[in-house]
């Protein structure tokens, strides 16, 4: 009998504590709980307004004069594959205006074959093993990374989102 009373007392205390926590949570929600601070992504890509680093394309691949659109992808990056539907129309239009599109795929070449197949006919595709000399030279630490270089060789945009690339109509030389 004493055990039953002790168990009933414990259940009552536990239920009261749970109810108190729920009420406290409701009160905090009503009065506004400070949202966790948004942490910006670490810097990645070259500095806007600076000369673009040398790309050093492999032998047999010619660097065209004029504006360049660089796309840096990683074989292990799911976001890279997800960004292709938004990037490909932009890249086609950019190439159609006389600009050169170069995709640098970092990682195992066989693993990057799927990405390369989507980009075939639109971009000059360059594979580089980890850690990636070209990506390193461009300061790319997060993927995907898009870099837009004007005809004078200056970096004019860098972003992780193809949706944030500038409108082509506003670019000089493109």
N, C-alpha and C. Protein backbone atom coordinates (compact mmCIF):
# COMPACT_ATOMS: atom_id res chain seq x y z
N UNK A 1 0.82 -1.18 0.00
CA UNK A 1 0.00 0.00 0.00
C UNK A 1 0.87 1.25 0.00
N UNK A 2 1.93 1.25 0.78
CA UNK A 2 2.81 2.40 0.86
C UNK A 2 3.50 2.63 -0.48
N UNK A 3 3.83 1.55 -1.17
CA UNK A 3 4.47 1.66 -2.48
C UNK A 3 3.52 2.28 -3.49
N UNK A 4 2.26 1.93 -3.41
CA UNK A 4 1.26 2.47 -4.33
C UNK A 4 1.09 3.96 -4.09
N UNK A 5 1.06 4.39 -2.82
CA UNK A 5 0.93 5.80 -2.50
C UNK A 5 2.16 6.57 -2.96
N UNK A 6 3.34 5.98 -2.78
CA UNK A 6 4.58 6.64 -3.20
C UNK A 6 4.59 6.80 -4.71
N UNK A 7 4.16 5.75 -5.42
CA UNK A 7 4.11 5.81 -6.88
C UNK A 7 3.11 6.86 -7.35
N UNK A 8 1.98 6.96 -6.73
CA UNK A 8 0.98 7.95 -7.08
C UNK A 8 1.50 9.36 -6.82
N UNK A 9 2.22 9.54 -5.73
CA UNK A 9 2.81 10.84 -5.41
C UNK A 9 3.86 11.23 -6.44
N UNK A 10 4.68 10.26 -6.84
CA UNK A 10 5.72 10.51 -7.86
C UNK A 10 5.07 10.91 -9.18
N UNK A 11 4.00 10.21 -9.57
CA UNK A 11 3.31 10.52 -10.82
C UNK A 11 2.72 11.92 -10.78
N UNK A 12 2.19 12.32 -9.64
CA UNK A 12 1.60 13.65 -9.52
C UNK A 12 2.67 14.73 -9.63
N UNK A 13 3.82 14.51 -9.00
CA UNK A 13 4.92 15.47 -9.06
C UNK A 13 5.45 15.58 -10.49
N UNK A 14 5.62 14.44 -11.15
CA UNK A 14 6.12 14.43 -12.52
C UNK A 14 5.16 15.15 -13.46
N UNK A 15 3.86 14.89 -13.32
CA UNK A 15 2.87 15.55 -14.16
C UNK A 15 2.86 17.05 -13.92
N UNK A 16 2.99 17.47 -12.67
CA UNK A 16 3.02 18.89 -12.34
C UNK A 16 4.26 19.56 -12.94
N UNK A 17 5.40 18.89 -12.87
CA UNK A 17 6.62 19.44 -13.44
C UNK A 17 6.51 19.56 -14.95
N UNK A 18 5.95 18.54 -15.61
CA UNK A 18 5.78 18.57 -17.06
C UNK A 18 4.84 19.71 -17.45
N UNK A 19 3.75 19.87 -16.73
CA UNK A 19 2.81 20.95 -17.01
C UNK A 19 3.48 22.31 -16.83
N UNK A 20 4.30 22.43 -15.80
CA UNK A 20 5.03 23.68 -15.56
C UNK A 20 5.97 24.00 -16.72
N UNK A 21 6.66 23.00 -17.22
CA UNK A 21 7.55 23.21 -18.36
C UNK A 21 6.78 23.64 -19.61
N UNK A 22 5.64 23.01 -19.85
CA UNK A 22 4.82 23.38 -21.01
C UNK A 22 4.34 24.82 -20.88
N UNK A 23 3.88 25.20 -19.71
CA UNK A 23 3.42 26.57 -19.50
C UNK A 23 4.56 27.57 -19.68
N UNK A 24 5.74 27.22 -19.20
CA UNK A 24 6.91 28.09 -19.37
C UNK A 24 7.25 28.25 -20.85
N UNK A 25 7.19 27.16 -21.60
CA UNK A 25 7.48 27.23 -23.04
C UNK A 25 6.45 28.11 -23.75
N UNK A 26 5.19 27.96 -23.40
CA UNK A 26 4.13 28.77 -24.01
C UNK A 26 4.36 30.25 -23.70
N UNK A 27 4.70 30.53 -22.48
CA UNK A 27 4.95 31.92 -22.08
C UNK A 27 6.12 32.51 -22.88
N UNK A 28 7.19 31.73 -23.03
CA UNK A 28 8.36 32.22 -23.78
C UNK A 28 8.01 32.45 -25.24
N UNK A 29 7.17 31.57 -25.79
CA UNK A 29 6.78 31.73 -27.19
C UNK A 29 5.92 32.97 -27.39
N UNK A 30 5.03 33.22 -26.45
CA UNK A 30 4.18 34.42 -26.53
C UNK A 30 4.98 35.70 -26.44
N UNK A 31 6.00 35.71 -25.61
CA UNK A 31 6.80 36.92 -25.40
C UNK A 31 7.98 36.99 -26.34
N UNK A 32 8.11 36.02 -27.15
CA UNK A 32 9.20 36.03 -28.14
C UNK A 32 10.48 35.47 -27.56
N UNK A 33 10.91 34.45 -28.16
CA UNK A 33 12.18 33.85 -27.78
C UNK A 33 13.19 34.32 -28.80
N UNK A 34 14.31 34.73 -28.34
CA UNK A 34 15.34 35.18 -29.26
C UNK A 34 15.74 34.03 -30.16
N UNK A 35 15.65 34.28 -31.46
CA UNK A 35 16.05 33.26 -32.42
C UNK A 35 17.56 33.10 -32.38
N UNK A 36 18.01 31.90 -32.65
CA UNK A 36 19.45 31.73 -32.66
C UNK A 36 20.08 32.66 -33.70
N UNK A 37 21.23 33.16 -33.38
CA UNK A 37 21.91 34.09 -34.28
C UNK A 37 22.20 33.39 -35.60
N UNK A 38 21.90 34.08 -36.72
CA UNK A 38 22.18 33.54 -38.05
C UNK A 38 23.68 33.64 -38.29
N UNK A 39 24.26 32.53 -38.63
CA UNK A 39 25.69 32.52 -38.91
C UNK A 39 25.89 32.59 -40.41
N UNK A 40 26.53 33.62 -40.87
CA UNK A 40 26.78 33.69 -42.31
C UNK A 40 27.75 32.60 -42.72
N UNK A 41 27.65 32.21 -43.98
CA UNK A 41 28.58 31.21 -44.50
C UNK A 41 29.97 31.81 -44.50
N UNK A 42 30.97 30.97 -44.27
CA UNK A 42 32.34 31.49 -44.32
C UNK A 42 32.66 31.99 -45.72
N UNK A 43 33.57 32.93 -45.80
CA UNK A 43 33.94 33.48 -47.09
C UNK A 43 34.45 32.41 -48.03
N UNK A 44 34.05 32.52 -49.27
CA UNK A 44 34.47 31.57 -50.28
C UNK A 44 34.48 32.30 -51.61
N UNK A 45 35.49 32.06 -52.39
CA UNK A 45 35.59 32.70 -53.69
C UNK A 45 36.47 33.93 -53.64
N UNK A 46 36.85 34.41 -54.81
CA UNK A 46 37.73 35.57 -54.87
C UNK A 46 37.01 36.86 -54.51
N UNK A 47 37.78 37.88 -54.21
CA UNK A 47 37.21 39.17 -53.83
C UNK A 47 36.71 39.92 -55.07
N UNK A 48 35.52 40.45 -54.98
CA UNK A 48 34.93 41.21 -56.08
C UNK A 48 35.76 42.48 -56.30
N UNK A 49 35.98 42.80 -57.58
CA UNK A 49 36.75 43.98 -57.94
C UNK A 49 38.23 43.71 -58.13
N UNK A 50 38.67 42.52 -57.78
CA UNK A 50 40.08 42.14 -57.93
C UNK A 50 40.27 41.39 -59.24
N UNK A 51 41.52 41.36 -59.74
CA UNK A 51 41.78 40.54 -60.92
C UNK A 51 41.54 39.06 -60.61
N UNK A 52 40.95 38.37 -61.56
CA UNK A 52 40.70 36.93 -61.38
C UNK A 52 42.02 36.18 -61.44
N UNK A 53 42.21 35.20 -60.57
CA UNK A 53 43.43 34.39 -60.63
C UNK A 53 43.51 33.64 -61.96
N UNK A 54 44.71 33.23 -62.32
CA UNK A 54 44.90 32.44 -63.53
C UNK A 54 44.14 31.12 -63.38
N UNK A 55 43.52 30.69 -64.46
CA UNK A 55 42.73 29.46 -64.40
C UNK A 55 43.57 28.23 -64.76
N UNK A 56 44.60 28.42 -65.57
CA UNK A 56 45.48 27.31 -65.97
C UNK A 56 44.68 26.12 -66.48
N UNK A 57 44.08 26.30 -67.65
CA UNK A 57 43.34 25.21 -68.25
C UNK A 57 44.31 24.15 -68.75
N UNK A 58 43.87 22.89 -68.81
CA UNK A 58 44.77 21.82 -69.24
C UNK A 58 45.21 22.01 -70.69
N UNK A 59 46.30 21.37 -71.09
CA UNK A 59 46.76 21.47 -72.48
C UNK A 59 45.65 21.04 -73.45
N UNK A 60 45.54 21.77 -74.54
CA UNK A 60 44.51 21.48 -75.53
C UNK A 60 43.21 22.21 -75.29
N UNK A 61 43.05 22.82 -74.13
CA UNK A 61 41.85 23.60 -73.82
C UNK A 61 42.25 25.06 -73.87
N UNK A 62 41.61 25.77 -74.74
CA UNK A 62 41.98 27.17 -74.95
C UNK A 62 41.14 28.10 -74.08
N UNK A 63 41.81 29.08 -73.49
CA UNK A 63 41.11 30.10 -72.72
C UNK A 63 40.67 31.20 -73.69
N UNK A 64 39.38 31.43 -73.74
CA UNK A 64 38.86 32.46 -74.62
C UNK A 64 39.01 33.83 -73.96
N UNK A 65 39.19 34.84 -74.81
CA UNK A 65 39.18 36.20 -74.27
C UNK A 65 37.74 36.57 -73.98
N UNK A 66 37.56 37.62 -73.25
CA UNK A 66 36.20 38.06 -72.95
C UNK A 66 35.74 37.58 -71.59
N UNK A 67 34.47 37.76 -71.30
CA UNK A 67 33.96 37.40 -69.97
C UNK A 67 33.95 35.89 -69.77
N UNK A 68 34.10 35.49 -68.51
CA UNK A 68 34.09 34.08 -68.14
C UNK A 68 33.13 33.87 -66.98
N UNK A 69 32.46 32.76 -67.05
CA UNK A 69 31.60 32.30 -65.96
C UNK A 69 32.20 30.99 -65.47
N UNK A 70 32.62 30.97 -64.21
CA UNK A 70 33.24 29.78 -63.63
C UNK A 70 32.27 29.16 -62.63
N UNK A 71 32.13 27.85 -62.74
CA UNK A 71 31.30 27.10 -61.80
C UNK A 71 32.19 26.07 -61.13
N UNK A 72 32.28 26.13 -59.82
CA UNK A 72 33.08 25.17 -59.06
C UNK A 72 32.13 24.20 -58.37
N UNK A 73 32.30 22.92 -58.68
CA UNK A 73 31.46 21.87 -58.10
C UNK A 73 32.35 20.85 -57.41
N UNK A 74 31.78 20.17 -56.43
CA UNK A 74 32.47 19.07 -55.76
C UNK A 74 31.69 17.79 -56.03
N UNK A 75 32.41 16.71 -56.24
CA UNK A 75 31.79 15.42 -56.51
C UNK A 75 30.87 15.01 -55.36
N UNK A 76 31.22 15.35 -54.13
CA UNK A 76 30.45 14.93 -52.96
C UNK A 76 29.35 15.92 -52.55
N UNK A 77 29.09 16.92 -53.37
CA UNK A 77 28.15 17.99 -53.01
C UNK A 77 26.77 17.76 -53.62
N UNK A 78 25.80 17.43 -52.77
CA UNK A 78 24.42 17.23 -53.25
C UNK A 78 23.84 18.55 -53.75
N UNK A 79 24.18 19.66 -53.11
CA UNK A 79 23.68 20.97 -53.53
C UNK A 79 24.17 21.35 -54.93
N UNK A 80 25.32 20.83 -55.31
CA UNK A 80 25.85 21.11 -56.65
C UNK A 80 24.91 20.54 -57.71
N UNK A 81 24.47 19.30 -57.52
CA UNK A 81 23.56 18.67 -58.47
C UNK A 81 22.20 19.37 -58.45
N UNK A 82 21.77 19.79 -57.27
CA UNK A 82 20.47 20.46 -57.16
C UNK A 82 20.48 21.84 -57.82
N UNK A 83 21.65 22.46 -57.93
CA UNK A 83 21.72 23.80 -58.50
C UNK A 83 21.74 23.79 -60.03
N UNK A 84 21.98 22.65 -60.64
CA UNK A 84 22.12 22.58 -62.10
C UNK A 84 20.90 23.09 -62.87
N UNK A 85 19.66 22.73 -62.48
CA UNK A 85 18.53 23.22 -63.26
C UNK A 85 18.43 24.75 -63.35
N UNK A 86 18.91 25.45 -62.34
CA UNK A 86 18.89 26.91 -62.38
C UNK A 86 20.13 27.46 -63.09
N UNK A 87 21.25 26.76 -62.98
CA UNK A 87 22.49 27.23 -63.57
C UNK A 87 22.54 27.02 -65.08
N UNK A 88 22.08 25.89 -65.58
CA UNK A 88 22.25 25.56 -66.99
C UNK A 88 21.64 26.59 -67.95
N UNK A 89 20.42 27.08 -67.73
CA UNK A 89 19.88 28.10 -68.66
C UNK A 89 20.72 29.39 -68.63
N UNK A 90 21.18 29.76 -67.46
CA UNK A 90 22.02 30.96 -67.33
C UNK A 90 23.31 30.76 -68.12
N UNK A 91 23.93 29.58 -67.94
CA UNK A 91 25.19 29.28 -68.61
C UNK A 91 25.01 29.25 -70.13
N UNK A 92 23.91 28.67 -70.61
CA UNK A 92 23.63 28.64 -72.06
C UNK A 92 23.53 30.06 -72.61
N UNK A 93 22.78 30.90 -71.90
CA UNK A 93 22.61 32.28 -72.36
C UNK A 93 23.95 33.02 -72.32
N UNK A 94 24.72 32.81 -71.27
CA UNK A 94 26.03 33.46 -71.14
C UNK A 94 26.93 33.04 -72.30
N UNK A 95 26.99 31.75 -72.59
CA UNK A 95 27.81 31.25 -73.70
C UNK A 95 27.31 31.81 -75.03
N UNK A 96 26.01 31.98 -75.16
CA UNK A 96 25.42 32.51 -76.38
C UNK A 96 25.77 33.96 -76.63
N UNK A 97 26.20 34.67 -75.61
CA UNK A 97 26.58 36.08 -75.77
C UNK A 97 28.09 36.22 -76.00
N UNK A 98 28.77 35.08 -76.15
CA UNK A 98 30.21 35.13 -76.42
C UNK A 98 31.08 34.91 -75.21
N UNK A 99 30.49 34.67 -74.06
CA UNK A 99 31.29 34.41 -72.87
C UNK A 99 31.70 32.94 -72.80
N UNK A 100 32.77 32.69 -72.08
CA UNK A 100 33.25 31.33 -71.89
C UNK A 100 32.77 30.80 -70.55
N UNK A 101 32.21 29.61 -70.55
CA UNK A 101 31.75 28.96 -69.33
C UNK A 101 32.71 27.81 -69.03
N UNK A 102 33.25 27.81 -67.81
CA UNK A 102 34.18 26.77 -67.38
C UNK A 102 33.64 26.18 -66.08
N UNK A 103 33.52 24.85 -66.06
CA UNK A 103 33.10 24.15 -64.85
C UNK A 103 34.29 23.37 -64.32
N UNK A 104 34.65 23.64 -63.07
CA UNK A 104 35.73 22.93 -62.41
C UNK A 104 35.08 21.95 -61.44
N UNK A 105 35.28 20.66 -61.70
CA UNK A 105 34.70 19.62 -60.85
C UNK A 105 35.82 19.05 -59.99
N UNK A 106 35.69 19.26 -58.69
CA UNK A 106 36.72 18.85 -57.73
C UNK A 106 36.37 17.47 -57.19
N UNK A 107 37.33 16.56 -57.30
CA UNK A 107 37.14 15.21 -56.80
C UNK A 107 37.44 14.18 -57.88
N UNK A 108 37.14 12.95 -57.58
CA UNK A 108 37.39 11.84 -58.49
C UNK A 108 36.67 12.05 -59.83
N UNK A 109 37.39 11.88 -60.93
CA UNK A 109 36.82 12.13 -62.26
C UNK A 109 35.64 11.21 -62.55
N UNK A 110 35.73 9.94 -62.14
CA UNK A 110 34.60 9.03 -62.37
C UNK A 110 33.38 9.47 -61.57
N UNK A 111 33.61 9.94 -60.34
CA UNK A 111 32.50 10.42 -59.52
C UNK A 111 31.88 11.69 -60.07
N UNK A 112 32.67 12.47 -60.80
CA UNK A 112 32.17 13.72 -61.38
C UNK A 112 31.59 13.57 -62.77
N UNK A 113 31.57 12.34 -63.28
CA UNK A 113 31.08 12.12 -64.65
C UNK A 113 29.62 12.54 -64.81
N UNK A 114 28.81 12.32 -63.79
CA UNK A 114 27.40 12.72 -63.87
C UNK A 114 27.24 14.22 -64.01
N UNK A 115 27.98 14.97 -63.19
CA UNK A 115 27.95 16.43 -63.29
C UNK A 115 28.44 16.87 -64.66
N UNK A 116 29.54 16.26 -65.12
CA UNK A 116 30.12 16.63 -66.41
C UNK A 116 29.15 16.38 -67.54
N UNK A 117 28.35 15.32 -67.47
CA UNK A 117 27.41 15.02 -68.55
C UNK A 117 26.34 16.10 -68.68
N UNK A 118 25.90 16.66 -67.56
CA UNK A 118 24.93 17.75 -67.61
C UNK A 118 25.52 19.00 -68.25
N UNK A 119 26.80 19.23 -68.03
CA UNK A 119 27.47 20.45 -68.48
C UNK A 119 28.03 20.33 -69.89
N UNK A 120 28.06 19.12 -70.44
CA UNK A 120 28.63 18.88 -71.77
C UNK A 120 27.91 19.74 -72.81
N UNK A 121 28.70 20.39 -73.64
CA UNK A 121 28.15 21.23 -74.70
C UNK A 121 27.85 22.66 -74.25
N UNK A 122 27.89 22.89 -72.96
CA UNK A 122 27.63 24.23 -72.43
C UNK A 122 28.91 24.83 -71.86
N UNK A 123 29.66 23.99 -71.16
CA UNK A 123 30.85 24.47 -70.45
C UNK A 123 32.07 23.63 -70.81
N UNK A 124 33.22 24.25 -70.71
CA UNK A 124 34.47 23.51 -70.73
C UNK A 124 34.61 22.90 -69.35
N UNK A 125 34.64 21.58 -69.29
CA UNK A 125 34.68 20.89 -68.00
C UNK A 125 36.12 20.49 -67.69
N UNK A 126 36.56 20.86 -66.50
CA UNK A 126 37.91 20.54 -66.03
C UNK A 126 37.76 19.77 -64.72
N UNK A 127 38.37 18.60 -64.66
CA UNK A 127 38.37 17.82 -63.42
C UNK A 127 39.68 18.08 -62.69
N UNK A 128 39.59 18.17 -61.40
CA UNK A 128 40.82 18.27 -60.60
C UNK A 128 40.63 17.47 -59.31
N UNK A 129 41.68 16.76 -58.93
CA UNK A 129 41.58 15.95 -57.71
C UNK A 129 41.58 16.85 -56.48
N UNK A 130 41.19 16.27 -55.36
CA UNK A 130 41.27 17.00 -54.10
C UNK A 130 42.72 17.37 -53.85
N UNK A 131 43.06 18.45 -53.20
CA UNK A 131 42.20 19.51 -52.75
C UNK A 131 41.84 20.50 -53.84
N UNK A 132 42.43 20.41 -55.01
CA UNK A 132 42.03 21.28 -56.10
C UNK A 132 42.84 22.55 -56.21
N UNK A 133 43.78 22.58 -57.13
CA UNK A 133 44.63 23.76 -57.31
C UNK A 133 43.81 24.94 -57.79
N UNK A 134 42.94 24.73 -58.78
CA UNK A 134 42.15 25.85 -59.31
C UNK A 134 41.18 26.38 -58.26
N UNK A 135 40.49 25.48 -57.60
CA UNK A 135 39.56 25.91 -56.54
C UNK A 135 40.32 26.63 -55.43
N UNK A 136 41.49 26.13 -55.09
CA UNK A 136 42.31 26.78 -54.06
C UNK A 136 42.76 28.16 -54.49
N UNK A 137 43.17 28.28 -55.73
CA UNK A 137 43.62 29.57 -56.25
C UNK A 137 42.48 30.60 -56.23
N UNK A 138 41.26 30.14 -56.44
CA UNK A 138 40.10 31.02 -56.42
C UNK A 138 39.50 31.18 -55.03
N UNK A 139 40.10 30.55 -54.03
CA UNK A 139 39.62 30.69 -52.65
C UNK A 139 38.30 30.00 -52.39
N UNK A 140 37.98 28.97 -53.17
CA UNK A 140 36.70 28.27 -53.02
C UNK A 140 36.81 27.27 -51.88
N UNK A 141 35.94 27.46 -50.89
CA UNK A 141 35.90 26.55 -49.75
C UNK A 141 34.54 25.87 -49.61
N UNK A 142 33.54 26.43 -50.26
CA UNK A 142 32.19 25.88 -50.22
C UNK A 142 31.70 25.68 -51.66
N UNK A 143 30.91 24.64 -51.85
CA UNK A 143 30.41 24.32 -53.17
C UNK A 143 28.89 24.31 -53.15
N UNK A 144 28.23 24.63 -54.25
CA UNK A 144 28.81 25.17 -55.47
C UNK A 144 29.25 26.61 -55.26
N UNK A 145 30.15 27.05 -56.11
CA UNK A 145 30.62 28.44 -56.10
C UNK A 145 30.63 28.91 -57.54
N UNK A 146 30.02 30.06 -57.78
CA UNK A 146 29.98 30.64 -59.12
C UNK A 146 30.76 31.95 -59.09
N UNK A 147 31.59 32.14 -60.11
CA UNK A 147 32.41 33.34 -60.20
C UNK A 147 32.24 33.91 -61.59
N UNK A 148 31.92 35.19 -61.67
CA UNK A 148 31.75 35.87 -62.94
C UNK A 148 32.89 36.86 -63.11
N UNK A 149 33.58 36.75 -64.26
CA UNK A 149 34.74 37.58 -64.55
C UNK A 149 34.44 38.37 -65.81
N UNK A 150 34.67 39.68 -65.78
CA UNK A 150 34.38 40.51 -66.95
C UNK A 150 35.49 40.38 -68.00
N UNK A 151 35.30 41.04 -69.14
CA UNK A 151 36.26 40.96 -70.25
C UNK A 151 37.63 41.49 -69.88
N UNK A 152 37.70 42.38 -68.90
CA UNK A 152 38.98 42.93 -68.46
C UNK A 152 39.68 42.02 -67.45
N UNK A 153 39.04 40.91 -67.07
CA UNK A 153 39.67 39.99 -66.13
C UNK A 153 39.40 40.29 -64.67
N UNK A 154 38.42 41.16 -64.39
CA UNK A 154 38.08 41.51 -63.01
C UNK A 154 36.91 40.65 -62.52
N UNK A 155 36.97 40.22 -61.27
CA UNK A 155 35.86 39.47 -60.66
C UNK A 155 34.73 40.46 -60.42
N UNK A 156 33.56 40.17 -61.00
CA UNK A 156 32.42 41.08 -60.81
C UNK A 156 31.30 40.47 -59.98
N UNK A 157 31.34 39.16 -59.76
CA UNK A 157 30.34 38.52 -58.91
C UNK A 157 30.86 37.18 -58.44
N UNK A 158 30.47 36.81 -57.23
CA UNK A 158 30.77 35.49 -56.70
C UNK A 158 29.65 35.11 -55.75
N UNK A 159 29.13 33.91 -55.89
CA UNK A 159 27.97 33.50 -55.11
C UNK A 159 27.90 31.98 -55.03
N UNK A 160 27.13 31.48 -54.07
CA UNK A 160 26.89 30.04 -53.93
C UNK A 160 25.61 29.64 -54.64
N UNK A 161 24.84 30.60 -55.08
CA UNK A 161 23.53 30.32 -55.67
C UNK A 161 23.47 30.83 -57.10
N UNK A 162 23.11 29.95 -58.01
CA UNK A 162 22.96 30.36 -59.41
C UNK A 162 21.86 31.42 -59.53
N UNK A 163 20.89 31.39 -58.64
CA UNK A 163 19.80 32.37 -58.67
C UNK A 163 20.29 33.79 -58.37
N UNK A 164 21.45 33.91 -57.72
CA UNK A 164 21.97 35.22 -57.36
C UNK A 164 22.96 35.79 -58.37
N UNK A 165 23.20 35.07 -59.47
CA UNK A 165 24.08 35.60 -60.51
C UNK A 165 23.41 36.81 -61.14
N UNK A 166 24.18 37.84 -61.52
CA UNK A 166 23.56 39.04 -62.07
C UNK A 166 22.90 38.78 -63.42
N UNK A 167 21.89 39.58 -63.73
CA UNK A 167 21.22 39.49 -65.02
C UNK A 167 22.21 39.81 -66.11
N UNK A 168 22.18 39.02 -67.16
CA UNK A 168 23.14 39.20 -68.25
C UNK A 168 22.98 40.53 -68.96
N UNK A 169 21.78 41.06 -68.99
CA UNK A 169 21.54 42.34 -69.68
C UNK A 169 22.34 43.47 -69.03
N UNK A 170 22.65 43.33 -67.75
CA UNK A 170 23.37 44.37 -67.05
C UNK A 170 24.87 44.23 -67.09
N UNK A 171 25.37 43.20 -67.76
CA UNK A 171 26.81 42.98 -67.80
C UNK A 171 27.40 43.62 -69.05
N UNK A 172 28.50 44.34 -68.86
CA UNK A 172 29.16 44.91 -70.01
C UNK A 172 30.07 43.86 -70.61
N UNK A 173 30.03 43.71 -71.91
CA UNK A 173 30.87 42.74 -72.59
C UNK A 173 30.26 41.36 -72.67
N UNK A 174 29.15 41.12 -72.00
CA UNK A 174 28.52 39.81 -72.09
C UNK A 174 27.27 39.90 -72.92
